[in-house]
């Protein structure tokens, strides 16, 4: 059994679930549409450029979770899945997951997007487990703060290493699929790094390092 690790946004999905959740909140009137949309776009550009301050972003992104009871958030997420996530599903991504599944590999999604947004997506995709940025909860209610290490850039390596303490796998035989140069710290840790519809920076690095490049679109 090998460990098959997958980034989620713009890798298994044809889009970014974090950014799409922000758009969804604007459309539903949960947040101030103009102000929130402008900040949402700003942080997304920072992410793509490699200059995102993850703590500044999470202070922004997790704040709306603290404003609503969990049952209302869960109901909103069901709508979000139908309206935003399902149109981003990729048949070739499902095929890739199934190929690893049939080989007996352990399927793990690792994503910077928070677990509230991504947990149901991972369940829908049928993976074995997900490592995501964890929103802090107190008595079943989100506080708007982050819990533990954000699962971003080198934080993905930290979170994966913590997970490996209880789930021993050989990273030299593991796969990691990602679209983003932000994931370079983890791509360099595995035996089989694979770029998926990569951004310009990752495509250049993948070509230099002779990493496989996949197109799931």
Foldseek 3Di string as FASTA:
>chain_A
DAAEEEEPAVWQWVHGLLLLVLCLCLVVVLDPNPVSNVVSVVQVVCVQVVNHPLQVVLLSSLVSQQVDAPVVLVVSLVVCCVPPGVVGGFPLSLVVVVVCVVVVHQYEYEYLRECSRCVVVCVVSPHPYYHYFYFDDDPRGGPSHTDDQRCWQCNVVVSVVVVCVVVPHDQLRYEYEEQGPRNVVVLVRHNAYEYEVHDPVVVVVCVVVVHHYHYRD
